[in-house]
Amino acid sequence: MTIHRRVCTWSVCLAGCILVLALINLSTGTMAIGLPALFQIISGHGAATDTLVLFNFRLPRIILALVVGWALALAGNVLQTITNNPMADPSLLGINNGAGLAVMLLIISAGTNASLTFSLPIVALLGAWLSTALIFLLANQPQRGISSKRLLLVGVALSGCFSALMVLMTLKLSPDNYQFVMNWLAGSLWGTDWAYIGWALPWLVAGSIILLIQLPVLDAFTLGTTTAQTLGLNLKHQQLGLISVAAMLAGVSVAISGGISFIGLITPNLARRIVGSRQRYQLPLAGLLGSTLLLAADTLGKLITTTTELPAGVLVALIGAPYFIYLLVRG
């Protein structure tokens, strides 16, 4: 099977999985909505309560899972490509926790109120950019540049530091804010509001378009730094630009979905196994895999127990942590 046909086959299969998962997700929850009632709502003849629940709560949640999964997968793909490290991921490198630390500072200073709709994503974005700058500054060696192993070690160390600071900050939270933060840290896809999606979507779409335009540059990085330099690339400038886009995608995603880890680790590796390292195929497929994985985790979290919902971030971590260990053991 040719790569083009393989990409088409996987894309159709993943689109079908997303459709099935979306229907299950829409129909399950505290108030069950059967498939007949679901189709009545879609046709415009559903009950008012069911319609309200569907369009105000469940549909935004599905869209949130899809766009966040896509964005985190693309961010991980970029980081793995430019560092030539299959274990690079926004969460492992501390970018997610950097955004989370900024959000914690905002909540402690301002609390949880309506202004979070606009201020929280901006603060998370700034936190992601600042933490990324710090990570790459510490990982850079004057004579040798950025080593992928050194980058991973610095990222893991700073991620642990940011995480410890967030735990300490929870001691200063009120009970209501504490509950909000705990749900957010667990990756509960909390920002299921059209206002949050409307704010975040332009950033995520812009980042995706930039990466699609930069596909030839990403392909050059897969050939190695020496080859990329012979092709006339200014590696430092290109790295800085691509890392900034990856941090933007990760920061905005963390702001509206919470602490979801390992999406950016798993999906680029899976896409690379399926279609190889050519970025015109790998990048979009990684995004589709990310959307499918996060929507599947969110749907499974609603189905496992009827009394409460397991955060999607917890279920993704249960898959991602063993996969990270596997990559470490494989060497």
C-alpha atoms as a PDB file:
ATOM      1  CA  MET A   1       0.000   0.000   0.000  1.00  0.00           C
ATOM      2  CA  THR A   2       1.355   3.422  -0.985  1.00  0.00           C
ATOM      3  CA  ILE A   3       1.813   6.131   1.645  1.00  0.00           C
ATOM      4  CA  HIS A   4      -0.901   8.267   0.051  1.00  0.00           C
ATOM      5  CA  ARG A   5      -3.426   5.420   0.184  1.00  0.00           C
ATOM      6  CA  ARG A   6      -2.370   4.565   3.737  1.00  0.00           C
ATOM      7  CA  VAL A   7      -2.932   8.176   4.820  1.00  0.00           C
ATOM      8  CA  CYS A   8      -6.364   8.236   3.167  1.00  0.00           C
ATOM      9  CA  THR A   9      -7.339   4.920   4.772  1.00  0.00           C
ATOM     10  CA  TRP A  10      -6.269   6.010   8.247  1.00  0.00           C
ATOM     11  CA  SER A  11      -7.901   9.422   7.849  1.00  0.00           C
ATOM     12  CA  VAL A  12     -11.244   7.867   6.876  1.00  0.00           C
ATOM     13  CA  CYS A  13     -11.032   5.349   9.743  1.00  0.00           C
ATOM     14  CA  LEU A  14     -10.190   8.046  12.286  1.00  0.00           C
ATOM     15  CA  ALA A  15     -12.982  10.293  10.981  1.00  0.00           C
ATOM     16  CA  GLY A  16     -15.388   7.376  11.410  1.00  0.00           C
ATOM     17  CA  CYS A  17     -14.113   6.777  14.956  1.00  0.00           C
ATOM     18  CA  ILE A  18     -14.584  10.466  15.774  1.00  0.00           C
ATOM     19  CA  LEU A  19     -18.174  10.369  14.473  1.00  0.00           C
ATOM     20  CA  VAL A  20     -19.043   7.265  16.529  1.00  0.00           C
ATOM     21  CA  LEU A  21     -17.359   8.637  19.655  1.00  0.00           C
ATOM     22  CA  ALA A  22     -19.133  11.974  19.227  1.00  0.00           C
ATOM     23  CA  LEU A  23     -22.545  10.282  19.027  1.00  0.00           C
ATOM     24  CA  ILE A  24     -21.793   8.223  22.155  1.00  0.00           C
ATOM     25  CA  ASN A  25     -20.486  11.302  23.972  1.00  0.00           C
ATOM     26  CA  LEU A  26     -23.544  13.359  23.044  1.00  0.00           C
ATOM     27  CA  SER A  27     -25.957  10.696  24.255  1.00  0.00           C
ATOM     28  CA  THR A  28     -24.283   9.831  27.584  1.00  0.00           C
ATOM     29  CA  GLY A  29     -23.959  11.760  30.803  1.00  0.00           C
ATOM     30  CA  THR A  30     -25.909  12.578  33.950  1.00  0.00           C
ATOM     31  CA  MET A  31     -28.997  13.033  31.779  1.00  0.00           C
ATOM     32  CA  ALA A  32     -29.059  10.345  29.106  1.00  0.00           C
ATOM     33  CA  ILE A  33     -30.207  11.343  25.630  1.00  0.00           C
ATOM     34  CA  GLY A  34     -31.040   8.349  23.456  1.00  0.00           C
ATOM     35  CA  LEU A  35     -30.165   8.215  19.782  1.00  0.00           C
ATOM     36  CA  PRO A  36     -33.798   8.780  18.657  1.00  0.00           C
ATOM     37  CA  ALA A  37     -33.976  11.911  20.837  1.00  0.00           C
ATOM     38  CA  LEU A  38     -30.567  12.945  19.537  1.00  0.00           C
ATOM     39  CA  PHE A  39     -31.711  12.787  15.919  1.00  0.00           C
ATOM     40  CA  GLN A  40     -34.880  14.679  16.840  1.00  0.00           C
ATOM     41  CA  ILE A  41     -32.735  17.476  18.285  1.00  0.00           C
ATOM     42  CA  ILE A  42     -30.585  17.553  15.155  1.00  0.00           C
ATOM     43  CA  SER A  43     -33.714  17.796  12.985  1.00  0.00           C
ATOM     44  CA  GLY A  44     -35.023  20.644  15.151  1.00  0.00           C
ATOM     45  CA  HIS A  45     -37.872  18.752  16.839  1.00  0.00           C
ATOM     46  CA  GLY A  46     -36.253  17.759  20.137  1.00  0.00           C
ATOM     47  CA  ALA A  47     -37.341  18.583  23.676  1.00  0.00           C
ATOM     48  CA  ALA A  48     -36.236  21.993  24.946  1.00  0.00           C
ATOM     49  CA  THR A  49     -34.272  20.575  27.904  1.00  0.00           C
ATOM     50  CA  ASP A  50     -32.446  18.020  25.766  1.00  0.00           C
ATOM     51  CA  THR A  51     -31.626  20.684  23.184  1.00  0.00           C
ATOM     52  CA  LEU A  52     -30.252  23.000  25.864  1.00  0.00           C
ATOM     53  CA  VAL A  53     -28.025  20.281  27.341  1.00  0.00           C
ATOM     54  CA  LEU A  54     -26.807  19.172  23.937  1.00  0.00           C
ATOM     55  CA  PHE A  55     -25.881  22.537  22.438  1.00  0.00           C
ATOM     56  CA  ASN A  56     -24.771  24.378  25.590  1.00  0.00           C
ATOM     57  CA  PHE A  57     -22.761  21.644  27.316  1.00  0.00           C
ATOM     58  CA  ARG A  58     -22.071  18.480  25.352  1.00  0.00           C
ATOM     59  CA  LEU A  59     -21.376  19.823  21.870  1.00  0.00           C
ATOM     60  CA  PRO A  60     -18.840  22.422  23.117  1.00  0.00           C
ATOM     61  CA  ARG A  61     -17.121  19.673  25.100  1.00  0.00           C
ATOM     62  CA  ILE A  62     -16.725  17.506  22.005  1.00  0.00           C
ATOM     63  CA  ILE A  63     -15.355  20.408  19.973  1.00  0.00           C
ATOM     64  CA  LEU A  64     -13.001  21.220  22.848  1.00  0.00           C
ATOM     65  CA  ALA A  65     -11.670  17.648  22.946  1.00  0.00           C
ATOM     66  CA  LEU A  66     -11.131  17.621  19.186  1.00  0.00           C
ATOM     67  CA  VAL A  67      -9.301  20.949  18.913  1.00  0.00           C
ATOM     68  CA  VAL A  68      -7.197  20.431  22.063  1.00  0.00           C
ATOM     69  CA  GLY A  69      -6.201  16.914  21.002  1.00  0.00           C
ATOM     70  CA  TRP A  70      -5.258  18.249  17.563  1.00  0.00           C
ATOM     71  CA  ALA A  71      -3.257  21.175  18.977  1.00  0.00           C
ATOM     72  CA  LEU A  72      -1.325  19.136  21.557  1.00  0.00           C
ATOM     73  CA  ALA A  73      -0.483  16.513  18.936  1.00  0.00           C
ATOM     74  CA  LEU A  74       0.847  19.161  16.549  1.00  0.00           C
ATOM     75  CA  ALA A  75       2.873  20.789  19.329  1.00  0.00           C
ATOM     76  CA  GLY A  76       4.429  17.449  20.249  1.00  0.00           C
ATOM     77  CA  ASN A  77       5.131  16.650  16.605  1.00  0.00           C
ATOM     78  CA  VAL A  78       6.986  19.938  16.130  1.00  0.00           C
ATOM     79  CA  LEU A  79       9.053  19.523  19.296  1.00  0.00           C
ATOM     80  CA  GLN A  80      10.025  15.957  18.388  1.00  0.00           C
ATOM     81  CA  THR A  81      10.966  16.975  14.857  1.00  0.00           C
ATOM     82  CA  ILE A  82      13.146  19.988  15.623  1.00  0.00           C
ATOM     83  CA  THR A  83      14.902  18.299  18.570  1.00  0.00           C
ATOM     84  CA  ASN A  84      15.159  14.891  16.860  1.00  0.00           C
ATOM     85  CA  ASN A  85      13.902  13.388  20.115  1.00  0.00           C
ATOM     86  CA  PRO A  86      10.886  11.019  20.078  1.00  0.00           C
ATOM     87  CA  MET A  87      10.290  11.724  23.781  1.00  0.00           C
ATOM     88  CA  ALA A  88       9.845  15.490  23.403  1.00  0.00           C
ATOM     89  CA  ASP A  89       6.380  16.572  24.504  1.00  0.00           C
ATOM     90  CA  PRO A  90       4.902  19.838  25.853  1.00  0.00           C
ATOM     91  CA  SER A  91       4.048  18.181  29.163  1.00  0.00           C
ATOM     92  CA  LEU A  92       7.387  16.419  29.657  1.00  0.00           C
ATOM     93  CA  LEU A  93       9.358  19.543  28.722  1.00  0.00           C
ATOM     94  CA  GLY A  94       7.502  21.628  31.302  1.00  0.00           C
ATOM     95  CA  ILE A  95       5.580  23.832  28.862  1.00  0.00           C
ATOM     96  CA  ASN A  96       2.199  22.654  30.126  1.00  0.00           C
ATOM     97  CA  ASN A  97       3.191  23.106  33.762  1.00  0.00           C
ATOM     98  CA  GLY A  98       4.632  26.538  32.979  1.00  0.00           C
ATOM     99  CA  ALA A  99       1.246  27.560  31.617  1.00  0.00           C
ATOM    100  CA  GLY A 100      -0.406  25.932  34.621  1.00  0.00           C
ATOM    101  CA  LEU A 101       1.781  27.854  37.062  1.00  0.00           C
ATOM    102  CA  ALA A 102       0.795  31.132  35.408  1.00  0.00           C
ATOM    103  CA  VAL A 103      -2.873  30.162  35.680  1.00  0.00           C
ATOM    104  CA  MET A 104      -2.442  29.330  39.369  1.00  0.00           C
ATOM    105  CA  LEU A 105      -0.941  32.765  40.009  1.00  0.00           C
ATOM    106  CA  LEU A 106      -3.904  34.359  38.244  1.00  0.00           C
ATOM    107  CA  ILE A 107      -6.470  32.393  40.255  1.00  0.00           C
ATOM    108  CA  ILE A 108      -4.751  33.217  43.555  1.00  0.00           C
ATOM    109  CA  SER A 109      -4.671  36.920  42.725  1.00  0.00           C
ATOM    110  CA  ALA A 110      -8.068  37.294  41.023  1.00  0.00           C
ATOM    111  CA  GLY A 111     -10.116  34.226  41.964  1.00  0.00           C
ATOM    112  CA  THR A 112     -12.477  32.398  39.618  1.00  0.00           C
ATOM    113  CA  ASN A 113     -14.930  34.808  38.063  1.00  0.00           C
ATOM    114  CA  ALA A 114     -16.307  35.805  34.695  1.00  0.00           C
ATOM    115  CA  SER A 115     -13.143  37.694  33.738  1.00  0.00           C
ATOM    116  CA  LEU A 116     -11.312  34.352  33.470  1.00  0.00           C
ATOM    117  CA  THR A 117     -12.935  33.853  30.070  1.00  0.00           C
ATOM    118  CA  PHE A 118     -10.554  36.424  28.594  1.00  0.00           C
ATOM    119  CA  SER A 119      -7.653  36.676  31.047  1.00  0.00           C
ATOM    120  CA  LEU A 120      -6.946  32.988  31.695  1.00  0.00           C
ATOM    121  CA  PRO A 121      -6.021  31.997  28.109  1.00  0.00           C
ATOM    122  CA  ILE A 122      -3.757  35.036  27.735  1.00  0.00           C
ATOM    123  CA  VAL A 123      -1.977  34.339  31.026  1.00  0.00           C
ATOM    124  CA  ALA A 124      -1.576  30.652  30.136  1.00  0.00           C
ATOM    125  CA  LEU A 125      -0.127  31.613  26.768  1.00  0.00           C
ATOM    126  CA  LEU A 126       2.410  33.943  28.389  1.00  0.00           C
ATOM    127  CA  GLY A 127       3.304  31.254  30.926  1.00  0.00           C
ATOM    128  CA  ALA A 128       3.890  28.727  28.143  1.00  0.00           C
ATOM    129  CA  TRP A 129       6.132  31.110  26.203  1.00  0.00           C
ATOM    130  CA  LEU A 130       8.157  32.125  29.273  1.00  0.00           C
ATOM    131  CA  SER A 131       8.646  28.542  30.434  1.00  0.00           C
ATOM    132  CA  THR A 132       9.672  27.500  26.907  1.00  0.00           C
ATOM    133  CA  ALA A 133      12.217  30.322  26.739  1.00  0.00           C
ATOM    134  CA  LEU A 134      13.639  29.296  30.123  1.00  0.00           C
ATOM    135  CA  ILE A 135      13.843  25.621  29.164  1.00  0.00           C
ATOM    136  CA  PHE A 136      15.680  26.233  25.903  1.00  0.00           C
ATOM    137  CA  LEU A 137      17.921  28.862  27.496  1.00  0.00           C
ATOM    138  CA  LEU A 138      19.079  26.378  30.137  1.00  0.00           C
ATOM    139  CA  ALA A 139      19.369  23.527  27.631  1.00  0.00           C
ATOM    140  CA  ASN A 140      21.468  25.539  25.179  1.00  0.00           C
ATOM    141  CA  GLN A 141      25.235  25.067  25.324  1.00  0.00           C
ATOM    142  CA  PRO A 142      27.339  27.854  23.743  1.00  0.00           C
ATOM    143  CA  GLN A 143      29.568  25.561  21.685  1.00  0.00           C
ATOM    144  CA  ARG A 144      27.296  22.560  21.104  1.00  0.00           C
ATOM    145  CA  GLY A 145      23.865  24.121  20.771  1.00  0.00           C
ATOM    146  CA  ILE A 146      20.808  22.275  22.112  1.00  0.00           C
ATOM    147  CA  SER A 147      21.293  18.600  22.920  1.00  0.00           C
ATOM    148  CA  SER A 148      18.087  16.542  22.807  1.00  0.00           C
ATOM    149  CA  LYS A 149      19.078  14.625  25.954  1.00  0.00           C
ATOM    150  CA  ARG A 150      19.953  17.814  27.825  1.00  0.00           C
ATOM    151  CA  LEU A 151      16.686  19.388  26.661  1.00  0.00           C
ATOM    152  CA  LEU A 152      14.672  16.475  28.031  1.00  0.00           C
ATOM    153  CA  LEU A 153      16.498  16.494  31.374  1.00  0.00           C
ATOM    154  CA  VAL A 154      16.096  20.259  31.806  1.00  0.00           C
ATOM    155  CA  GLY A 155      12.437  20.046  30.799  1.00  0.00           C
ATOM    156  CA  VAL A 156      11.650  17.243  33.230  1.00  0.00           C
ATOM    157  CA  ALA A 157      13.461  19.061  36.058  1.00  0.00           C
ATOM    158  CA  LEU A 158      11.630  22.348  35.436  1.00  0.00           C
ATOM    159  CA  SER A 159       8.330  20.529  34.990  1.00  0.00           C
ATOM    160  CA  GLY A 160       8.780  18.976  38.424  1.00  0.00           C
ATOM    161  CA  CYS A 161       9.697  22.365  39.873  1.00  0.00           C
ATOM    162  CA  PHE A 162       6.630  24.042  38.350  1.00  0.00           C
ATOM    163  CA  SER A 163       4.433  21.184  39.572  1.00  0.00           C
ATOM    164  CA  ALA A 164       5.771  21.493  43.131  1.00  0.00           C
ATOM    165  CA  LEU A 165       5.113  25.244  43.118  1.00  0.00           C
ATOM    166  CA  MET A 166       1.538  24.630  41.962  1.00  0.00           C
ATOM    167  CA  VAL A 167       0.967  22.173  44.800  1.00  0.00           C
ATOM    168  CA  LEU A 168       2.286  24.719  47.315  1.00  0.00           C
ATOM    169  CA  MET A 169      -0.006  27.381  45.871  1.00  0.00           C
ATOM    170  CA  THR A 170      -3.087  25.221  46.401  1.00  0.00           C
ATOM    171  CA  LEU A 171      -2.623  25.794  50.145  1.00  0.00           C
ATOM    172  CA  LYS A 172      -3.598  29.441  49.603  1.00  0.00           C
ATOM    173  CA  LEU A 173      -6.821  28.684  47.734  1.00  0.00           C
ATOM    174  CA  SER A 174     -10.353  28.956  49.040  1.00  0.00           C
ATOM    175  CA  PRO A 175     -12.434  25.717  48.987  1.00  0.00           C
ATOM    176  CA  ASP A 176     -14.284  26.772  45.808  1.00  0.00           C
ATOM    177  CA  ASN A 177     -11.114  27.787  43.994  1.00  0.00           C
ATOM    178  CA  TYR A 178      -9.369  24.636  45.227  1.00  0.00           C
ATOM    179  CA  GLN A 179     -12.037  22.415  43.660  1.00  0.00           C
ATOM    180  CA  PHE A 180     -11.800  24.343  40.405  1.00  0.00           C
ATOM    181  CA  VAL A 181      -8.005  24.036  40.315  1.00  0.00           C
ATOM    182  CA  MET A 182      -8.042  20.306  41.111  1.00  0.00           C
ATOM    183  CA  ASN A 183     -10.463  19.648  38.250  1.00  0.00           C
ATOM    184  CA  TRP A 184      -8.371  21.822  35.973  1.00  0.00           C
ATOM    185  CA  LEU A 185      -5.082  20.112  36.880  1.00  0.00           C
ATOM    186  CA  ALA A 186      -6.628  16.691  36.234  1.00  0.00           C
ATOM    187  CA  GLY A 187      -7.425  17.652  32.640  1.00  0.00           C
ATOM    188  CA  SER A 188     -11.190  17.643  32.983  1.00  0.00           C
ATOM    189  CA  LEU A 189     -11.893  19.622  29.772  1.00  0.00           C
ATOM    190  CA  TRP A 190     -13.400  22.257  32.033  1.00  0.00           C
ATOM    191  CA  GLY A 191     -13.699  25.100  29.511  1.00  0.00           C
ATOM    192  CA  THR A 192     -16.855  23.696  27.901  1.00  0.00           C
ATOM    193  CA  ASP A 193     -18.224  27.103  27.090  1.00  0.00           C
ATOM    194  CA  TRP A 194     -18.629  28.636  23.649  1.00  0.00           C
ATOM    195  CA  ALA A 195     -16.841  31.763  24.901  1.00  0.00           C
ATOM    196  CA  TYR A 196     -13.647  29.835  25.691  1.00  0.00           C
ATOM    197  CA  ILE A 197     -13.788  27.940  22.407  1.00  0.00           C
ATOM    198  CA  GLY A 198     -14.430  31.146  20.483  1.00  0.00           C
ATOM    199  CA  TRP A 199     -11.381  32.756  22.100  1.00  0.00           C
ATOM    200  CA  ALA A 200      -9.038  29.799  21.656  1.00  0.00           C
ATOM    201  CA  LEU A 201     -10.022  28.639  18.176  1.00  0.00           C
ATOM    202  CA  PRO A 202      -8.399  31.525  16.229  1.00  0.00           C
ATOM    203  CA  TRP A 203      -5.077  30.923  18.025  1.00  0.00           C
ATOM    204  CA  LEU A 204      -5.193  27.189  17.349  1.00  0.00           C
ATOM    205  CA  VAL A 205      -6.227  27.628  13.709  1.00  0.00           C
ATOM    206  CA  ALA A 206      -3.489  30.230  13.163  1.00  0.00           C
ATOM    207  CA  GLY A 207      -0.868  27.942  14.714  1.00  0.00           C
ATOM    208  CA  SER A 208      -1.998  25.016  12.565  1.00  0.00           C
ATOM    209  CA  ILE A 209      -1.852  27.102   9.376  1.00  0.00           C
ATOM    210  CA  ILE A 210       1.651  28.345  10.215  1.00  0.00           C
ATOM    211  CA  LEU A 211       2.857  24.769  10.714  1.00  0.00           C
ATOM    212  CA  LEU A 212       1.284  23.622   7.447  1.00  0.00           C
ATOM    213  CA  ILE A 213       3.088  26.452   5.663  1.00  0.00           C
ATOM    214  CA  GLN A 214       6.339  25.426   7.372  1.00  0.00           C
ATOM    215  CA  LEU A 215       6.127  21.757   6.326  1.00  0.00           C
ATOM    216  CA  PRO A 216       9.236  22.018   4.079  1.00  0.00           C
ATOM    217  CA  VAL A 217      11.210  23.452   7.001  1.00  0.00           C
ATOM    218  CA  LEU A 218      10.064  20.623   9.277  1.00  0.00           C
ATOM    219  CA  ASP A 219      11.054  18.120   6.595  1.00  0.00           C
ATOM    220  CA  ALA A 220      14.524  19.683   6.509  1.00  0.00           C
ATOM    221  CA  PHE A 221      14.888  19.152  10.266  1.00  0.00           C
ATOM    222  CA  THR A 222      14.148  15.428   9.828  1.00  0.00           C
ATOM    223  CA  LEU A 223      17.240  15.191   7.597  1.00  0.00           C
ATOM    224  CA  GLY A 224      19.526  16.365  10.419  1.00  0.00           C
ATOM    225  CA  THR A 225      21.013  19.721  11.342  1.00  0.00           C
ATOM    226  CA  THR A 226      23.983  19.424   8.968  1.00  0.00           C
ATOM    227  CA  THR A 227      21.787  18.738   5.942  1.00  0.00           C
ATOM    228  CA  ALA A 228      19.342  21.450   6.992  1.00  0.00           C
ATOM    229  CA  GLN A 229      22.171  23.982   7.137  1.00  0.00           C
ATOM    230  CA  THR A 230      23.411  22.997   3.689  1.00  0.00           C
ATOM    231  CA  LEU A 231      19.888  23.685   2.401  1.00  0.00           C
ATOM    232  CA  GLY A 232      20.295  27.279   3.571  1.00  0.00           C
ATOM    233  CA  LEU A 233      18.177  27.198   6.720  1.00  0.00           C
ATOM    234  CA  ASN A 234      18.932  29.520   9.610  1.00  0.00           C
ATOM    235  CA  LEU A 235      18.448  26.841  12.247  1.00  0.00           C
ATOM    236  CA  LYS A 236      18.296  29.113  15.284  1.00  0.00           C
ATOM    237  CA  HIS A 237      15.682  31.416  13.779  1.00  0.00           C
ATOM    238  CA  GLN A 238      13.612  28.528  12.434  1.00  0.00           C
ATOM    239  CA  GLN A 239      13.820  26.669  15.752  1.00  0.00           C
ATOM    240  CA  LEU A 240      12.760  29.763  17.671  1.00  0.00           C
ATOM    241  CA  GLY A 241       9.778  30.366  15.404  1.00  0.00           C
ATOM    242  CA  LEU A 242       8.577  26.764  15.421  1.00  0.00           C
ATOM    243  CA  ILE A 243       9.065  26.398  19.171  1.00  0.00           C
ATOM    244  CA  SER A 244       7.050  29.585  19.727  1.00  0.00           C
ATOM    245  CA  VAL A 245       4.184  28.168  17.662  1.00  0.00           C
ATOM    246  CA  ALA A 246       4.332  24.853  19.545  1.00  0.00           C
ATOM    247  CA  ALA A 247       4.291  26.692  22.879  1.00  0.00           C
ATOM    248  CA  MET A 248       1.321  28.770  21.720  1.00  0.00           C
ATOM    249  CA  LEU A 249      -0.649  25.648  20.783  1.00  0.00           C
ATOM    250  CA  ALA A 250       0.211  23.979  24.092  1.00  0.00           C
ATOM    251  CA  GLY A 251      -0.449  27.070  26.230  1.00  0.00           C
ATOM    252  CA  VAL A 252      -3.863  27.825  24.754  1.00  0.00           C
ATOM    253  CA  SER A 253      -4.815  24.138  25.007  1.00  0.00           C
ATOM    254  CA  VAL A 254      -3.826  23.974  28.669  1.00  0.00           C
ATOM    255  CA  ALA A 255      -5.788  27.149  29.392  1.00  0.00           C
ATOM    256  CA  ILE A 256      -9.098  25.741  28.149  1.00  0.00           C
ATOM    257  CA  SER A 257      -8.669  22.054  28.953  1.00  0.00           C
ATOM    258  CA  GLY A 258      -6.395  21.776  31.980  1.00  0.00           C
ATOM    259  CA  GLY A 259      -3.361  19.594  32.584  1.00  0.00           C
ATOM    260  CA  ILE A 260      -3.561  16.999  29.823  1.00  0.00           C
ATOM    261  CA  SER A 261      -0.276  15.158  29.306  1.00  0.00           C
ATOM    262  CA  PHE A 262       1.207  12.695  26.814  1.00  0.00           C
ATOM    263  CA  ILE A 263      -1.023  13.491  23.809  1.00  0.00           C
ATOM    264  CA  GLY A 264       1.974  15.191  22.205  1.00  0.00           C
ATOM    265  CA  LEU A 265       4.176  12.216  23.071  1.00  0.00           C
ATOM    266  CA  ILE A 266       2.026   9.346  21.822  1.00  0.00           C
ATOM    267  CA  THR A 267       0.456  10.608  18.614  1.00  0.00           C
ATOM    268  CA  PRO A 268       3.551  11.797  16.669  1.00  0.00           C
ATOM    269  CA  ASN A 269       5.255   8.466  17.363  1.00  0.00           C
ATOM    270  CA  LEU A 270       2.202   6.542  16.175  1.00  0.00           C
ATOM    271  CA  ALA A 271       1.900   8.712  13.064  1.00  0.00           C
ATOM    272  CA  ARG A 272       5.594   8.200  12.310  1.00  0.00           C
ATOM    273  CA  ARG A 273       5.168   4.433  12.538  1.00  0.00           C
ATOM    274  CA  ILE A 274       2.190   4.535  10.172  1.00  0.00           C
ATOM    275  CA  VAL A 275       3.335   6.932   7.429  1.00  0.00           C
ATOM    276  CA  GLY A 276       7.006   7.650   8.099  1.00  0.00           C
ATOM    277  CA  SER A 277       8.623  10.989   8.886  1.00  0.00           C
ATOM    278  CA  ARG A 278       7.537  13.012   5.848  1.00  0.00           C
ATOM    279  CA  GLN A 279       5.776  15.935   7.493  1.00  0.00           C
ATOM    280  CA  ARG A 280       3.037  16.496   4.911  1.00  0.00           C
ATOM    281  CA  TYR A 281       1.669  13.115   6.015  1.00  0.00           C
ATOM    282  CA  GLN A 282       2.865  12.811   9.600  1.00  0.00           C
ATOM    283  CA  LEU A 283       1.695  16.190  10.918  1.00  0.00           C
ATOM    284  CA  PRO A 284      -2.007  15.996   9.887  1.00  0.00           C
ATOM    285  CA  LEU A 285      -2.231  12.321  10.864  1.00  0.00           C
ATOM    286  CA  ALA A 286      -0.765  13.084  14.299  1.00  0.00           C
ATOM    287  CA  GLY A 287      -3.410  15.798  14.705  1.00  0.00           C
ATOM    288  CA  LEU A 288      -6.233  13.398  13.808  1.00  0.00           C
ATOM    289  CA  LEU A 289      -4.837  10.791  16.196  1.00  0.00           C
ATOM    290  CA  GLY A 290      -4.686  13.416  18.954  1.00  0.00           C
ATOM    291  CA  SER A 291      -8.308  14.454  18.399  1.00  0.00           C
ATOM    292  CA  THR A 292      -9.454  10.832  18.386  1.00  0.00           C
ATOM    293  CA  LEU A 293      -7.448   9.874  21.477  1.00  0.00           C
ATOM    294  CA  LEU A 294      -8.665  12.772  23.613  1.00  0.00           C
ATOM    295  CA  LEU A 295     -12.297  12.373  22.539  1.00  0.00           C
ATOM    296  CA  ALA A 296     -12.055   8.635  23.256  1.00  0.00           C
ATOM    297  CA  ALA A 297     -10.615   9.329  26.723  1.00  0.00           C
ATOM    298  CA  ASP A 298     -13.359  11.842  27.500  1.00  0.00           C
ATOM    299  CA  THR A 299     -16.080   9.478  26.279  1.00  0.00           C
ATOM    300  CA  LEU A 300     -14.635   6.559  28.238  1.00  0.00           C
ATOM    301  CA  GLY A 301     -14.459   8.730  31.353  1.00  0.00           C
ATOM    302  CA  LYS A 302     -18.204   9.334  31.080  1.00  0.00           C
ATOM    303  CA  LEU A 303     -18.975   5.639  30.548  1.00  0.00           C
ATOM    304  CA  ILE A 304     -16.813   4.036  33.252  1.00  0.00           C
ATOM    305  CA  THR A 305     -18.890   5.305  36.168  1.00  0.00           C
ATOM    306  CA  THR A 306     -22.399   6.718  36.330  1.00  0.00           C
ATOM    307  CA  THR A 307     -21.938   8.666  39.570  1.00  0.00           C
ATOM    308  CA  THR A 308     -19.060  10.879  38.443  1.00  0.00           C
ATOM    309  CA  GLU A 309     -16.832  11.489  35.432  1.00  0.00           C
ATOM    310  CA  LEU A 310     -13.173  10.551  35.254  1.00  0.00           C
ATOM    311  CA  PRO A 311     -11.103  13.426  33.835  1.00  0.00           C
ATOM    312  CA  ALA A 312      -9.842  12.776  30.325  1.00  0.00           C
ATOM    313  CA  GLY A 313      -6.338  13.806  31.386  1.00  0.00           C
ATOM    314  CA  VAL A 314      -6.182  10.964  33.916  1.00  0.00           C
ATOM    315  CA  LEU A 315      -7.109   8.327  31.341  1.00  0.00           C
ATOM    316  CA  VAL A 316      -4.647   9.689  28.773  1.00  0.00           C
ATOM    317  CA  ALA A 317      -1.894   9.648  31.422  1.00  0.00           C
ATOM    318  CA  LEU A 318      -2.647   5.989  32.187  1.00  0.00           C
ATOM    319  CA  ILE A 319      -1.853   5.248  28.543  1.00  0.00           C
ATOM    320  CA  GLY A 320       0.951   7.757  28.074  1.00  0.00           C
ATOM    321  CA  ALA A 321       3.069   6.978  31.133  1.00  0.00           C
ATOM    322  CA  PRO A 322       3.689   3.313  30.183  1.00  0.00           C
ATOM    323  CA  TYR A 323       4.398   4.406  26.606  1.00  0.00           C
ATOM    324  CA  PHE A 324       6.986   6.906  27.861  1.00  0.00           C
ATOM    325  CA  ILE A 325       8.644   4.146  29.901  1.00  0.00           C
ATOM    326  CA  TYR A 326       8.654   1.957  26.786  1.00  0.00           C
ATOM    327  CA  LEU A 327      10.443   4.681  24.806  1.00  0.00           C
ATOM    328  CA  LEU A 328      13.017   5.066  27.592  1.00  0.00           C
ATOM    329  CA  VAL A 329      13.670   1.312  27.755  1.00  0.00           C
ATOM    330  CA  ARG A 330      13.911   1.073  23.969  1.00  0.00           C
ATOM    331  CA  GLY A 331      16.656   3.652  24.215  1.00  0.00           C
END
